[in-house]
Amino acid sequence: MIPRSAGAQPAIQLGAATPDFPGPAPDAGSGSAGAARARALALVEQVRRDPAGALPEVCRLAWTEPDDSLRRLGIRLLGRIDLAESRATLRDLIAAEDHPGIRDLARRVLETMETAPR
């Protein structure tokens, strides 16, 4: 845990990390929704360490997660993975998605990826 100064907000502490995936965070919530949120938070770190290795799980999150907020996180994470596969996934999601908010976010993320300097 990161030390904090007087008056600062407490740092978020995730569960102990394993080589593949951290355990659920103690305050992630209860049941499968809490476990899904803990896995999503761990996925953010995995994208930072190994973007290509995290791609399959990020795609799953963006496509199949029932919680729209976690799907949005998956779409944003796809935007951090600068690979042709992540751009193709975003294009497929835009073409197939019924939810206008999810489709719009995927479109914006893809546009940002395509216009960003390389």
Protein backbone atom coordinates (compact mmCIF):
# COMPACT_ATOMS: atom_id res chain seq x y z
CA MET A 1 0.00 0.00 0.00
CA ILE A 2 1.22 3.48 -0.83
CA PRO A 3 1.83 5.71 2.21
CA ARG A 4 -0.44 8.72 2.38
CA SER A 5 0.01 12.15 3.82
CA ALA A 6 -2.37 13.66 6.35
CA GLY A 7 -5.74 14.37 4.77
CA ALA A 8 -5.04 12.37 1.60
CA GLN A 9 -7.44 9.74 0.33
CA PRO A 10 -6.43 6.12 1.01
CA ALA A 11 -4.79 4.23 -1.83
CA ILE A 12 -6.67 1.37 -3.46
CA GLN A 13 -5.19 -1.94 -2.46
CA LEU A 14 -5.73 -4.94 -4.72
CA GLY A 15 -5.26 -8.54 -3.67
CA ALA A 16 -1.87 -10.23 -3.75
CA ALA A 17 -0.70 -10.67 -7.33
CA THR A 18 0.03 -14.05 -8.81
CA PRO A 19 1.91 -14.54 -12.08
CA ASP A 20 -1.35 -14.93 -14.02
CA PHE A 21 -4.04 -13.01 -12.21
CA PRO A 22 -4.51 -11.27 -8.86
CA GLY A 23 -7.07 -12.51 -6.42
CA PRO A 24 -10.21 -10.50 -5.77
CA ALA A 25 -9.81 -7.19 -4.02
CA PRO A 26 -11.18 -7.19 -0.48
CA ASP A 27 -13.61 -4.31 -1.17
CA ALA A 28 -14.63 -5.28 -4.70
CA GLY A 29 -18.16 -6.20 -3.69
CA SER A 30 -19.89 -9.50 -3.23
CA GLY A 31 -20.71 -12.33 -5.56
CA SER A 32 -19.87 -12.60 -9.21
CA ALA A 33 -20.22 -8.84 -9.83
CA GLY A 34 -17.49 -8.12 -7.28
CA ALA A 35 -15.25 -10.79 -8.75
CA ALA A 36 -15.78 -9.41 -12.26
CA ARG A 37 -14.81 -5.93 -11.09
CA ALA A 38 -11.69 -7.27 -9.38
CA ARG A 39 -10.67 -9.14 -12.55
CA ALA A 40 -11.25 -5.98 -14.61
CA LEU A 41 -9.07 -3.91 -12.29
CA ALA A 42 -6.33 -6.53 -12.53
CA LEU A 43 -6.67 -6.47 -16.30
CA VAL A 44 -5.76 -2.77 -16.34
CA GLU A 45 -2.39 -3.67 -14.81
CA GLN A 46 -1.94 -6.61 -17.17
CA VAL A 47 -2.50 -4.30 -20.19
CA ARG A 48 0.20 -2.02 -18.86
CA ARG A 49 2.68 -4.91 -18.42
CA ASP A 50 1.86 -7.09 -21.45
CA PRO A 51 -0.61 -5.51 -23.90
CA ALA A 52 -0.50 -8.32 -26.47
CA GLY A 53 -0.91 -10.99 -23.79
CA ALA A 54 -3.91 -9.19 -22.32
CA LEU A 55 -5.69 -8.78 -25.66
CA PRO A 56 -7.86 -11.95 -25.51
CA GLU A 57 -9.20 -11.10 -22.05
CA VAL A 58 -9.74 -7.44 -22.98
CA CYS A 59 -11.72 -8.53 -26.06
CA ARG A 60 -13.84 -10.83 -23.90
CA LEU A 61 -14.53 -7.99 -21.49
CA ALA A 62 -15.51 -5.58 -24.28
CA TRP A 63 -17.76 -8.10 -26.06
CA THR A 64 -19.41 -10.32 -23.47
CA GLU A 65 -19.40 -8.66 -20.04
CA PRO A 66 -23.02 -8.08 -18.93
CA ASP A 67 -22.09 -4.96 -16.93
CA ASP A 68 -21.96 -2.00 -19.35
CA SER A 69 -19.45 -0.10 -17.21
CA LEU A 70 -17.03 -3.03 -17.45
CA ARG A 71 -17.66 -3.30 -21.20
CA ARG A 72 -16.73 0.38 -21.49
CA LEU A 73 -13.53 -0.32 -19.57
CA GLY A 74 -12.76 -3.14 -22.01
CA ILE A 75 -13.26 -0.81 -24.97
CA ARG A 76 -10.99 1.82 -23.43
CA LEU A 77 -8.36 -0.84 -22.76
CA LEU A 78 -8.55 -1.90 -26.42
CA GLY A 79 -7.61 1.68 -27.21
CA ARG A 80 -4.43 1.29 -25.14
CA ILE A 81 -3.34 -1.80 -27.05
CA ASP A 82 -1.86 -0.45 -30.27
CA LEU A 83 -2.20 -3.60 -32.37
CA ALA A 84 -4.06 -4.32 -35.61
CA GLU A 85 -6.10 -6.95 -33.75
CA SER A 86 -7.45 -4.43 -31.23
CA ARG A 87 -8.45 -2.03 -34.03
CA ALA A 88 -10.14 -4.90 -35.91
CA THR A 89 -12.00 -5.87 -32.73
CA LEU A 90 -13.25 -2.30 -32.33
CA ARG A 91 -14.42 -2.23 -35.98
CA ASP A 92 -16.29 -5.52 -35.48
CA LEU A 93 -17.84 -4.25 -32.27
CA ILE A 94 -19.01 -1.03 -33.97
CA ALA A 95 -20.63 -3.05 -36.76
CA ALA A 96 -22.37 -5.53 -34.46
CA GLU A 97 -23.27 -3.52 -31.34
CA ASP A 98 -26.92 -2.64 -30.61
CA HIS A 99 -26.25 -0.38 -27.62
CA PRO A 100 -25.73 3.15 -29.01
CA GLY A 101 -23.53 4.31 -26.10
CA ILE A 102 -21.21 1.32 -26.38
CA ARG A 103 -21.06 1.66 -30.18
CA ASP A 104 -20.30 5.40 -29.92
CA LEU A 105 -17.51 4.82 -27.38
CA ALA A 106 -15.95 2.14 -29.59
CA ARG A 107 -16.12 4.51 -32.57
CA ARG A 108 -14.46 7.34 -30.60
CA VAL A 109 -11.70 5.06 -29.28
CA LEU A 110 -11.01 3.73 -32.79
CA GLU A 111 -10.91 7.26 -34.24
CA THR A 112 -8.44 8.29 -31.55
CA MET A 113 -6.24 5.27 -32.29
CA GLU A 114 -6.27 5.95 -36.03
CA THR A 115 -5.43 9.65 -35.70
CA ALA A 116 -2.77 9.30 -32.99
CA PRO A 117 0.83 9.84 -34.12
CA ARG A 118 2.91 6.69 -34.25
